[in-house]
Amino acid sequence: MVGSPSQDQGAFGDYIVYIDESGDHGLVFNDPQYPVFVLAFCIFAKSQYRLEVVPALQNLKFQYFGHDMVVLHERDIRKASGDFSFLVDRGVRNKFMDDMSRLIDNMSFTLIASVILKRKLCEKYVKPHNPYHLALGFGLERTFSFLKRVGQGGKVTHLVVESRGKREDEDLAAEFKRVCGGDNFRREKLPFSMRFADKRCNCSGLQLADLIARPIGRKMLNVAEENRAYEIIEKKFFRNGEALNGWGLKVFP
């Protein structure tokens, strides 16, 4: 755990945040089909997460798999691989995707996403920063803005992120400490504690963040492209009134 608070349970906030990525954060190679890095922050009220979100996801798994041990991965679903090989049947796939879309549409959560356009980043800066670190900083600042709005600014909020390896986790932990220590846009200390989760962890929040990240990236790369998943996700973004860009959605540069 990074930035572990004291064990005063009264200090813990009423929300929990699950974070997942889409795309490669490296700059040496740019996938011409997907030259973008997305970090999605899914913010849940703990009461709704426990009573509504987790049971809804479990029910979907019981319906399609007969158990709740399967881990939902966007890539596996998209490619109909592994546990999702049954999705090669177009009729079954359409029903599954309809049920998944309805489930996410009905869930109560707030979304913040950082999108790094890697080509533009490399064109604009001689020595561009790590896209993951950039996305993390933007997301942390906006997550804190949301929490202050709902009266949670003084509470410790846990952020759960998928582990990517010892070195990567150490680099991310150092960046997390730097931003939360006050090296951010508002020069504020952020009361966050980060928890790394194993890739095989059957965590509902992380699975939902994984499902959500890529449709955002696809939309930013091609605004005109029909994107049903994004249409559902778009309703969940944190906003300031009607304003979305710069609040729930940060696209850089």
C-alpha atoms as a PDB file:
ATOM      1  CA  MET A   1       0.000   0.000   0.000  1.00  0.00           C
ATOM      2  CA  VAL A   2       1.264   3.475  -0.883  1.00  0.00           C
ATOM      3  CA  GLY A   3       0.516   6.433   1.345  1.00  0.00           C
ATOM      4  CA  SER A   4      -1.018   4.207   4.012  1.00  0.00           C
ATOM      5  CA  PRO A   5      -3.045   6.224   6.543  1.00  0.00           C
ATOM      6  CA  SER A   6      -3.366   5.654  10.239  1.00  0.00           C
ATOM      7  CA  GLN A   7      -5.792   2.959  11.278  1.00  0.00           C
ATOM      8  CA  ASP A   8      -8.344   5.531  12.457  1.00  0.00           C
ATOM      9  CA  GLN A   9     -11.320   4.145  10.546  1.00  0.00           C
ATOM     10  CA  GLY A  10     -13.163   7.438  10.979  1.00  0.00           C
ATOM     11  CA  ALA A  11     -10.630   8.977   8.591  1.00  0.00           C
ATOM     12  CA  PHE A  12     -11.662   6.754   5.695  1.00  0.00           C
ATOM     13  CA  GLY A  13     -13.889   8.322   3.077  1.00  0.00           C
ATOM     14  CA  ASP A  14     -17.197   7.121   1.689  1.00  0.00           C
ATOM     15  CA  TYR A  15     -15.815   6.554  -1.817  1.00  0.00           C
ATOM     16  CA  ILE A  16     -13.375   4.167  -3.463  1.00  0.00           C
ATOM     17  CA  VAL A  17     -11.629   4.581  -6.820  1.00  0.00           C
ATOM     18  CA  TYR A  18     -10.647   1.866  -9.293  1.00  0.00           C
ATOM     19  CA  ILE A  19      -8.125   2.729 -12.001  1.00  0.00           C
ATOM     20  CA  ASP A  20      -7.247   0.910 -15.205  1.00  0.00           C
ATOM     21  CA  GLU A  21      -5.547   1.743 -18.479  1.00  0.00           C
ATOM     22  CA  SER A  22      -5.892   1.260 -22.195  1.00  0.00           C
ATOM     23  CA  GLY A  23      -2.987   1.425 -24.596  1.00  0.00           C
ATOM     24  CA  ASP A  24       0.777   1.268 -24.216  1.00  0.00           C
ATOM     25  CA  HIS A  25       2.292   4.039 -22.109  1.00  0.00           C
ATOM     26  CA  GLY A  26       5.674   3.728 -23.856  1.00  0.00           C
ATOM     27  CA  LEU A  27       6.844   6.277 -26.425  1.00  0.00           C
ATOM     28  CA  VAL A  28       9.431   4.208 -28.296  1.00  0.00           C
ATOM     29  CA  PHE A  29       6.767   2.417 -30.301  1.00  0.00           C
ATOM     30  CA  ASN A  30       3.406   3.890 -31.267  1.00  0.00           C
ATOM     31  CA  ASP A  31       0.718   1.500 -32.409  1.00  0.00           C
ATOM     32  CA  PRO A  32      -0.536   3.199 -35.601  1.00  0.00           C
ATOM     33  CA  GLN A  33      -3.995   1.804 -34.927  1.00  0.00           C
ATOM     34  CA  TYR A  34      -4.116   3.042 -31.334  1.00  0.00           C
ATOM     35  CA  PRO A  35      -1.544   5.808 -30.623  1.00  0.00           C
ATOM     36  CA  VAL A  36      -3.187   6.816 -27.362  1.00  0.00           C
ATOM     37  CA  PHE A  37      -2.928   6.078 -23.656  1.00  0.00           C
ATOM     38  CA  VAL A  38      -6.017   6.242 -21.448  1.00  0.00           C
ATOM     39  CA  LEU A  39      -6.280   6.056 -17.679  1.00  0.00           C
ATOM     40  CA  ALA A  40      -9.835   5.640 -16.369  1.00  0.00           C
ATOM     41  CA  PHE A  41     -10.756   6.509 -12.772  1.00  0.00           C
ATOM     42  CA  CYS A  42     -14.078   4.930 -11.718  1.00  0.00           C
ATOM     43  CA  ILE A  43     -15.322   6.495  -8.490  1.00  0.00           C
ATOM     44  CA  PHE A  44     -17.909   4.576  -6.492  1.00  0.00           C
ATOM     45  CA  ALA A  45     -19.754   5.383  -3.308  1.00  0.00           C
ATOM     46  CA  LYS A  46     -18.825   2.402  -1.138  1.00  0.00           C
ATOM     47  CA  SER A  47     -22.432   1.732  -0.142  1.00  0.00           C
ATOM     48  CA  GLN A  48     -23.605   1.564  -3.769  1.00  0.00           C
ATOM     49  CA  TYR A  49     -20.560  -0.451  -4.811  1.00  0.00           C
ATOM     50  CA  ARG A  50     -21.214  -3.066  -2.140  1.00  0.00           C
ATOM     51  CA  LEU A  51     -24.998  -3.273  -2.469  1.00  0.00           C
ATOM     52  CA  GLU A  52     -25.532  -2.668  -6.201  1.00  0.00           C
ATOM     53  CA  VAL A  53     -22.417  -2.835  -8.370  1.00  0.00           C
ATOM     54  CA  VAL A  54     -20.813  -6.064  -7.152  1.00  0.00           C
ATOM     55  CA  PRO A  55     -24.085  -8.062  -7.090  1.00  0.00           C
ATOM     56  CA  ALA A  56     -25.019  -6.817 -10.579  1.00  0.00           C
ATOM     57  CA  LEU A  57     -21.692  -7.953 -12.016  1.00  0.00           C
ATOM     58  CA  GLN A  58     -21.921 -11.295 -10.237  1.00  0.00           C
ATOM     59  CA  ASN A  59     -25.420 -11.862 -11.607  1.00  0.00           C
ATOM     60  CA  LEU A  60     -24.152 -11.260 -15.136  1.00  0.00           C
ATOM     61  CA  LYS A  61     -21.378 -13.795 -14.619  1.00  0.00           C
ATOM     62  CA  PHE A  62     -23.735 -16.396 -13.174  1.00  0.00           C
ATOM     63  CA  GLN A  63     -26.031 -15.902 -16.158  1.00  0.00           C
ATOM     64  CA  TYR A  64     -23.349 -16.420 -18.802  1.00  0.00           C
ATOM     65  CA  PHE A  65     -20.756 -18.625 -17.083  1.00  0.00           C
ATOM     66  CA  GLY A  66     -22.575 -20.383 -14.218  1.00  0.00           C
ATOM     67  CA  HIS A  67     -20.024 -19.048 -11.696  1.00  0.00           C
ATOM     68  CA  ASP A  68     -18.439 -15.745 -10.726  1.00  0.00           C
ATOM     69  CA  MET A  69     -14.760 -16.697 -11.003  1.00  0.00           C
ATOM     70  CA  VAL A  70     -14.273 -15.401 -14.545  1.00  0.00           C
ATOM     71  CA  VAL A  71     -12.486 -12.062 -14.848  1.00  0.00           C
ATOM     72  CA  LEU A  72     -13.912  -9.665 -17.425  1.00  0.00           C
ATOM     73  CA  HIS A  73     -11.175  -8.368 -19.733  1.00  0.00           C
ATOM     74  CA  GLU A  74     -12.055  -5.968 -22.526  1.00  0.00           C
ATOM     75  CA  ARG A  75      -9.441  -7.439 -24.855  1.00  0.00           C
ATOM     76  CA  ASP A  76     -10.677 -11.028 -24.367  1.00  0.00           C
ATOM     77  CA  ILE A  77     -14.280  -9.958 -24.913  1.00  0.00           C
ATOM     78  CA  ARG A  78     -13.374  -7.979 -28.040  1.00  0.00           C
ATOM     79  CA  LYS A  79     -11.394 -10.866 -29.503  1.00  0.00           C
ATOM     80  CA  ALA A  80     -13.764 -13.612 -28.236  1.00  0.00           C
ATOM     81  CA  SER A  81     -10.833 -15.457 -26.658  1.00  0.00           C
ATOM     82  CA  GLY A  82     -10.392 -17.598 -23.543  1.00  0.00           C
ATOM     83  CA  ASP A  83     -13.513 -17.710 -21.395  1.00  0.00           C
ATOM     84  CA  PHE A  84     -15.241 -15.535 -23.985  1.00  0.00           C
ATOM     85  CA  SER A  85     -14.796 -17.802 -27.003  1.00  0.00           C
ATOM     86  CA  PHE A  86     -18.565 -18.353 -27.034  1.00  0.00           C
ATOM     87  CA  LEU A  87     -18.896 -14.769 -28.287  1.00  0.00           C
ATOM     88  CA  VAL A  88     -17.921 -15.883 -31.799  1.00  0.00           C
ATOM     89  CA  ASP A  89     -21.652 -16.576 -32.167  1.00  0.00           C
ATOM     90  CA  ARG A  90     -22.955 -13.201 -33.352  1.00  0.00           C
ATOM     91  CA  GLY A  91     -26.382 -13.618 -31.782  1.00  0.00           C
ATOM     92  CA  VAL A  92     -24.936 -14.546 -28.385  1.00  0.00           C
ATOM     93  CA  ARG A  93     -22.393 -11.758 -28.643  1.00  0.00           C
ATOM     94  CA  ASN A  94     -25.050  -9.152 -29.350  1.00  0.00           C
ATOM     95  CA  LYS A  95     -27.094 -10.272 -26.361  1.00  0.00           C
ATOM     96  CA  PHE A  96     -24.041 -10.316 -24.092  1.00  0.00           C
ATOM     97  CA  MET A  97     -22.990  -6.845 -25.180  1.00  0.00           C
ATOM     98  CA  ASP A  98     -26.549  -5.545 -24.748  1.00  0.00           C
ATOM     99  CA  ASP A  99     -26.669  -6.948 -21.209  1.00  0.00           C
ATOM    100  CA  MET A 100     -23.233  -5.535 -20.416  1.00  0.00           C
ATOM    101  CA  SER A 101     -24.185  -2.119 -21.770  1.00  0.00           C
ATOM    102  CA  ARG A 102     -27.411  -2.107 -19.764  1.00  0.00           C
ATOM    103  CA  LEU A 103     -25.536  -3.108 -16.614  1.00  0.00           C
ATOM    104  CA  ILE A 104     -23.020  -0.255 -16.937  1.00  0.00           C
ATOM    105  CA  ASP A 105     -25.744   2.220 -17.894  1.00  0.00           C
ATOM    106  CA  ASN A 106     -27.682   1.396 -14.729  1.00  0.00           C
ATOM    107  CA  MET A 107     -24.679   1.594 -12.393  1.00  0.00           C
ATOM    108  CA  SER A 108     -24.071   4.631 -10.205  1.00  0.00           C
ATOM    109  CA  PHE A 109     -20.499   5.865 -10.459  1.00  0.00           C
ATOM    110  CA  THR A 110     -18.527   8.904 -11.527  1.00  0.00           C
ATOM    111  CA  LEU A 111     -15.907   8.717 -14.253  1.00  0.00           C
ATOM    112  CA  ILE A 112     -12.726  10.702 -14.743  1.00  0.00           C
ATOM    113  CA  ALA A 113     -10.430   9.884 -17.650  1.00  0.00           C
ATOM    114  CA  SER A 114      -7.017  11.137 -18.727  1.00  0.00           C
ATOM    115  CA  VAL A 115      -6.220  10.707 -22.419  1.00  0.00           C
ATOM    116  CA  ILE A 116      -2.670  11.158 -23.685  1.00  0.00           C
ATOM    117  CA  LEU A 117      -2.340  11.584 -27.452  1.00  0.00           C
ATOM    118  CA  LYS A 118       1.119  10.112 -27.889  1.00  0.00           C
ATOM    119  CA  ARG A 119       1.878  11.393 -31.392  1.00  0.00           C
ATOM    120  CA  LYS A 120       1.066  14.967 -30.443  1.00  0.00           C
ATOM    121  CA  LEU A 121       2.996  14.572 -27.190  1.00  0.00           C
ATOM    122  CA  CYS A 122       6.147  13.562 -29.070  1.00  0.00           C
ATOM    123  CA  GLU A 123       5.673  16.318 -31.647  1.00  0.00           C
ATOM    124  CA  LYS A 124       5.212  19.024 -29.024  1.00  0.00           C
ATOM    125  CA  TYR A 125       7.944  18.110 -26.530  1.00  0.00           C
ATOM    126  CA  VAL A 126      11.590  17.243 -27.111  1.00  0.00           C
ATOM    127  CA  LYS A 127      11.657  15.182 -23.918  1.00  0.00           C
ATOM    128  CA  PRO A 128       8.039  14.232 -23.213  1.00  0.00           C
ATOM    129  CA  HIS A 129       7.034  12.926 -19.819  1.00  0.00           C
ATOM    130  CA  ASN A 130       5.892   9.361 -19.208  1.00  0.00           C
ATOM    131  CA  PRO A 131       2.270   9.162 -20.471  1.00  0.00           C
ATOM    132  CA  TYR A 132       1.227   7.042 -17.486  1.00  0.00           C
ATOM    133  CA  HIS A 133       2.616   9.598 -15.033  1.00  0.00           C
ATOM    134  CA  LEU A 134       0.966  12.466 -16.896  1.00  0.00           C
ATOM    135  CA  ALA A 135      -2.378  10.658 -16.925  1.00  0.00           C
ATOM    136  CA  LEU A 136      -2.070   9.786 -13.244  1.00  0.00           C
ATOM    137  CA  GLY A 137      -1.438  13.383 -12.230  1.00  0.00           C
ATOM    138  CA  PHE A 138      -4.360  14.730 -14.249  1.00  0.00           C
ATOM    139  CA  GLY A 139      -6.649  12.040 -12.845  1.00  0.00           C
ATOM    140  CA  LEU A 140      -5.627  12.525  -9.224  1.00  0.00           C
ATOM    141  CA  GLU A 141      -6.202  16.282  -9.394  1.00  0.00           C
ATOM    142  CA  ARG A 142      -9.677  15.864 -10.842  1.00  0.00           C
ATOM    143  CA  THR A 143     -10.615  13.028  -8.522  1.00  0.00           C
ATOM    144  CA  PHE A 144      -9.771  15.280  -5.587  1.00  0.00           C
ATOM    145  CA  SER A 145     -11.931  18.056  -7.080  1.00  0.00           C
ATOM    146  CA  PHE A 146     -14.849  15.643  -7.229  1.00  0.00           C
ATOM    147  CA  LEU A 147     -14.302  14.438  -3.665  1.00  0.00           C
ATOM    148  CA  LYS A 148     -14.180  17.979  -2.338  1.00  0.00           C
ATOM    149  CA  ARG A 149     -17.456  18.715  -4.106  1.00  0.00           C
ATOM    150  CA  VAL A 150     -19.153  15.811  -2.291  1.00  0.00           C
ATOM    151  CA  GLY A 151     -17.694  16.767   1.101  1.00  0.00           C
ATOM    152  CA  GLN A 152     -14.943  14.136   1.149  1.00  0.00           C
ATOM    153  CA  GLY A 153     -11.904  16.357   0.716  1.00  0.00           C
ATOM    154  CA  GLY A 154     -10.682  15.748   4.258  1.00  0.00           C
ATOM    155  CA  LYS A 155     -11.129  11.977   4.193  1.00  0.00           C
ATOM    156  CA  VAL A 156      -8.636   9.295   3.171  1.00  0.00           C
ATOM    157  CA  THR A 157      -9.735   7.728  -0.120  1.00  0.00           C
ATOM    158  CA  HIS A 158      -8.267   4.497  -1.431  1.00  0.00           C
ATOM    159  CA  LEU A 159      -7.349   4.074  -5.080  1.00  0.00           C
ATOM    160  CA  VAL A 160      -6.961   0.553  -6.444  1.00  0.00           C
ATOM    161  CA  VAL A 161      -4.716   0.036  -9.464  1.00  0.00           C
ATOM    162  CA  GLU A 162      -3.620  -3.097 -11.257  1.00  0.00           C
ATOM    163  CA  SER A 163      -0.047  -4.210 -10.615  1.00  0.00           C
ATOM    164  CA  ARG A 164       2.175  -4.148 -13.724  1.00  0.00           C
ATOM    165  CA  GLY A 165       5.452  -5.502 -12.356  1.00  0.00           C
ATOM    166  CA  LYS A 166       7.938  -4.642  -9.609  1.00  0.00           C
ATOM    167  CA  ARG A 167       9.806  -1.874 -11.423  1.00  0.00           C
ATOM    168  CA  GLU A 168       6.685  -0.327 -12.948  1.00  0.00           C
ATOM    169  CA  ASP A 169       4.904  -0.391  -9.578  1.00  0.00           C
ATOM    170  CA  GLU A 170       7.857   1.270  -7.849  1.00  0.00           C
ATOM    171  CA  ASP A 171       7.973   4.021 -10.479  1.00  0.00           C
ATOM    172  CA  LEU A 172       4.238   4.560 -10.198  1.00  0.00           C
ATOM    173  CA  ALA A 173       4.367   4.630  -6.393  1.00  0.00           C
ATOM    174  CA  ALA A 174       7.076   7.307  -6.502  1.00  0.00           C
ATOM    175  CA  GLU A 175       5.026   9.412  -8.931  1.00  0.00           C
ATOM    176  CA  PHE A 176       1.922   8.942  -6.794  1.00  0.00           C
ATOM    177  CA  LYS A 177       3.761  10.166  -3.680  1.00  0.00           C
ATOM    178  CA  ARG A 178       5.128  13.172  -5.549  1.00  0.00           C
ATOM    179  CA  VAL A 179       1.726  14.307  -6.822  1.00  0.00           C
ATOM    180  CA  CYS A 180      -0.081  13.613  -3.544  1.00  0.00           C
ATOM    181  CA  GLY A 181       2.680  15.364  -1.612  1.00  0.00           C
ATOM    182  CA  GLY A 182       1.745  18.662  -3.229  1.00  0.00           C
ATOM    183  CA  ASP A 183       3.478  18.674  -6.605  1.00  0.00           C
ATOM    184  CA  ASN A 184       0.264  19.215  -8.520  1.00  0.00           C
ATOM    185  CA  PHE A 185      -1.626  22.022 -10.234  1.00  0.00           C
ATOM    186  CA  ARG A 186      -3.212  23.376  -7.046  1.00  0.00           C
ATOM    187  CA  ARG A 187      -0.198  22.713  -4.811  1.00  0.00           C
ATOM    188  CA  GLU A 188      -2.454  20.774  -2.457  1.00  0.00           C
ATOM    189  CA  LYS A 189      -1.714  17.615  -0.491  1.00  0.00           C
ATOM    190  CA  LEU A 190      -4.064  14.896  -1.663  1.00  0.00           C
ATOM    191  CA  PRO A 191      -5.379  12.446   0.985  1.00  0.00           C
ATOM    192  CA  PHE A 192      -5.117   9.344  -1.176  1.00  0.00           C
ATOM    193  CA  SER A 193      -3.815   5.861  -0.448  1.00  0.00           C
ATOM    194  CA  MET A 194      -2.971   3.586  -3.378  1.00  0.00           C
ATOM    195  CA  ARG A 195      -3.338  -0.184  -3.335  1.00  0.00           C
ATOM    196  CA  PHE A 196      -1.861  -2.462  -6.006  1.00  0.00           C
ATOM    197  CA  ALA A 197      -3.973  -5.438  -7.065  1.00  0.00           C
ATOM    198  CA  ASP A 198      -2.716  -8.593  -8.752  1.00  0.00           C
ATOM    199  CA  LYS A 199      -3.670  -8.898 -12.443  1.00  0.00           C
ATOM    200  CA  ARG A 200      -5.599 -12.084 -11.620  1.00  0.00           C
ATOM    201  CA  CYS A 201      -7.602 -10.352  -8.896  1.00  0.00           C
ATOM    202  CA  ASN A 202     -11.339 -10.843  -9.404  1.00  0.00           C
ATOM    203  CA  CYS A 203     -12.201  -7.258  -8.485  1.00  0.00           C
ATOM    204  CA  SER A 204     -15.445  -5.831  -9.838  1.00  0.00           C
ATOM    205  CA  GLY A 205     -14.240  -2.227  -9.828  1.00  0.00           C
ATOM    206  CA  LEU A 206     -11.068  -2.970 -11.757  1.00  0.00           C
ATOM    207  CA  GLN A 207     -12.955  -5.038 -14.313  1.00  0.00           C
ATOM    208  CA  LEU A 208     -15.374  -2.195 -14.942  1.00  0.00           C
ATOM    209  CA  ALA A 209     -12.508   0.299 -15.312  1.00  0.00           C
ATOM    210  CA  ASP A 210     -10.891  -2.079 -17.819  1.00  0.00           C
ATOM    211  CA  LEU A 211     -14.102  -2.279 -19.862  1.00  0.00           C
ATOM    212  CA  ILE A 212     -14.488   1.494 -19.898  1.00  0.00           C
ATOM    213  CA  ALA A 213     -11.004   2.735 -20.814  1.00  0.00           C
ATOM    214  CA  ARG A 214     -10.689   1.607 -24.450  1.00  0.00           C
ATOM    215  CA  PRO A 215     -13.998   3.035 -25.763  1.00  0.00           C
ATOM    216  CA  ILE A 216     -12.814   6.436 -24.507  1.00  0.00           C
ATOM    217  CA  GLY A 217      -9.553   6.079 -26.427  1.00  0.00           C
ATOM    218  CA  ARG A 218     -11.365   5.028 -29.599  1.00  0.00           C
ATOM    219  CA  LYS A 219     -13.659   8.050 -29.364  1.00  0.00           C
ATOM    220  CA  MET A 220     -10.785  10.495 -28.897  1.00  0.00           C
ATOM    221  CA  LEU A 221      -9.041   9.077 -31.965  1.00  0.00           C
ATOM    222  CA  ASN A 222     -12.138   9.194 -34.149  1.00  0.00           C
ATOM    223  CA  VAL A 223     -14.881  11.478 -32.910  1.00  0.00           C
ATOM    224  CA  ALA A 224     -17.118  10.752 -35.904  1.00  0.00           C
ATOM    225  CA  GLU A 225     -16.966   6.970 -35.485  1.00  0.00           C
ATOM    226  CA  GLU A 226     -20.095   5.326 -34.100  1.00  0.00           C
ATOM    227  CA  ASN A 227     -19.247   4.261 -30.566  1.00  0.00           C
ATOM    228  CA  ARG A 228     -22.181   2.853 -28.646  1.00  0.00           C
ATOM    229  CA  ALA A 229     -20.088   2.021 -25.605  1.00  0.00           C
ATOM    230  CA  TYR A 230     -18.860   5.607 -25.350  1.00  0.00           C
ATOM    231  CA  GLU A 231     -22.407   6.945 -25.592  1.00  0.00           C
ATOM    232  CA  ILE A 232     -23.213   5.057 -22.382  1.00  0.00           C
ATOM    233  CA  ILE A 233     -19.950   5.917 -20.669  1.00  0.00           C
ATOM    234  CA  GLU A 234     -20.210   9.610 -21.569  1.00  0.00           C
ATOM    235  CA  LYS A 235     -23.111  10.066 -19.146  1.00  0.00           C
ATOM    236  CA  LYS A 236     -20.910   9.068 -16.214  1.00  0.00           C
ATOM    237  CA  PHE A 237     -18.252  11.763 -16.565  1.00  0.00           C
ATOM    238  CA  PHE A 238     -17.637  14.278 -13.787  1.00  0.00           C
ATOM    239  CA  ARG A 239     -18.750  17.725 -14.940  1.00  0.00           C
ATOM    240  CA  ASN A 240     -18.791  21.324 -13.872  1.00  0.00           C
ATOM    241  CA  GLY A 241     -22.314  22.217 -14.878  1.00  0.00           C
ATOM    242  CA  GLU A 242     -22.384  21.156 -18.533  1.00  0.00           C
ATOM    243  CA  ALA A 243     -18.606  21.437 -18.946  1.00  0.00           C
ATOM    244  CA  LEU A 244     -16.872  18.098 -19.497  1.00  0.00           C
ATOM    245  CA  ASN A 245     -13.472  18.812 -21.019  1.00  0.00           C
ATOM    246  CA  GLY A 246     -10.911  19.637 -18.370  1.00  0.00           C
ATOM    247  CA  TRP A 247     -13.153  18.201 -15.647  1.00  0.00           C
ATOM    248  CA  GLY A 248     -14.173  14.589 -16.141  1.00  0.00           C
ATOM    249  CA  LEU A 249     -12.189  14.295 -19.353  1.00  0.00           C
ATOM    250  CA  LYS A 250      -8.648  15.574 -19.757  1.00  0.00           C
ATOM    251  CA  VAL A 251      -7.086  15.212 -23.198  1.00  0.00           C
ATOM    252  CA  PHE A 252      -3.398  16.095 -23.493  1.00  0.00           C
ATOM    253  CA  PRO A 253      -1.752  17.738 -25.282  1.00  0.00           C
END
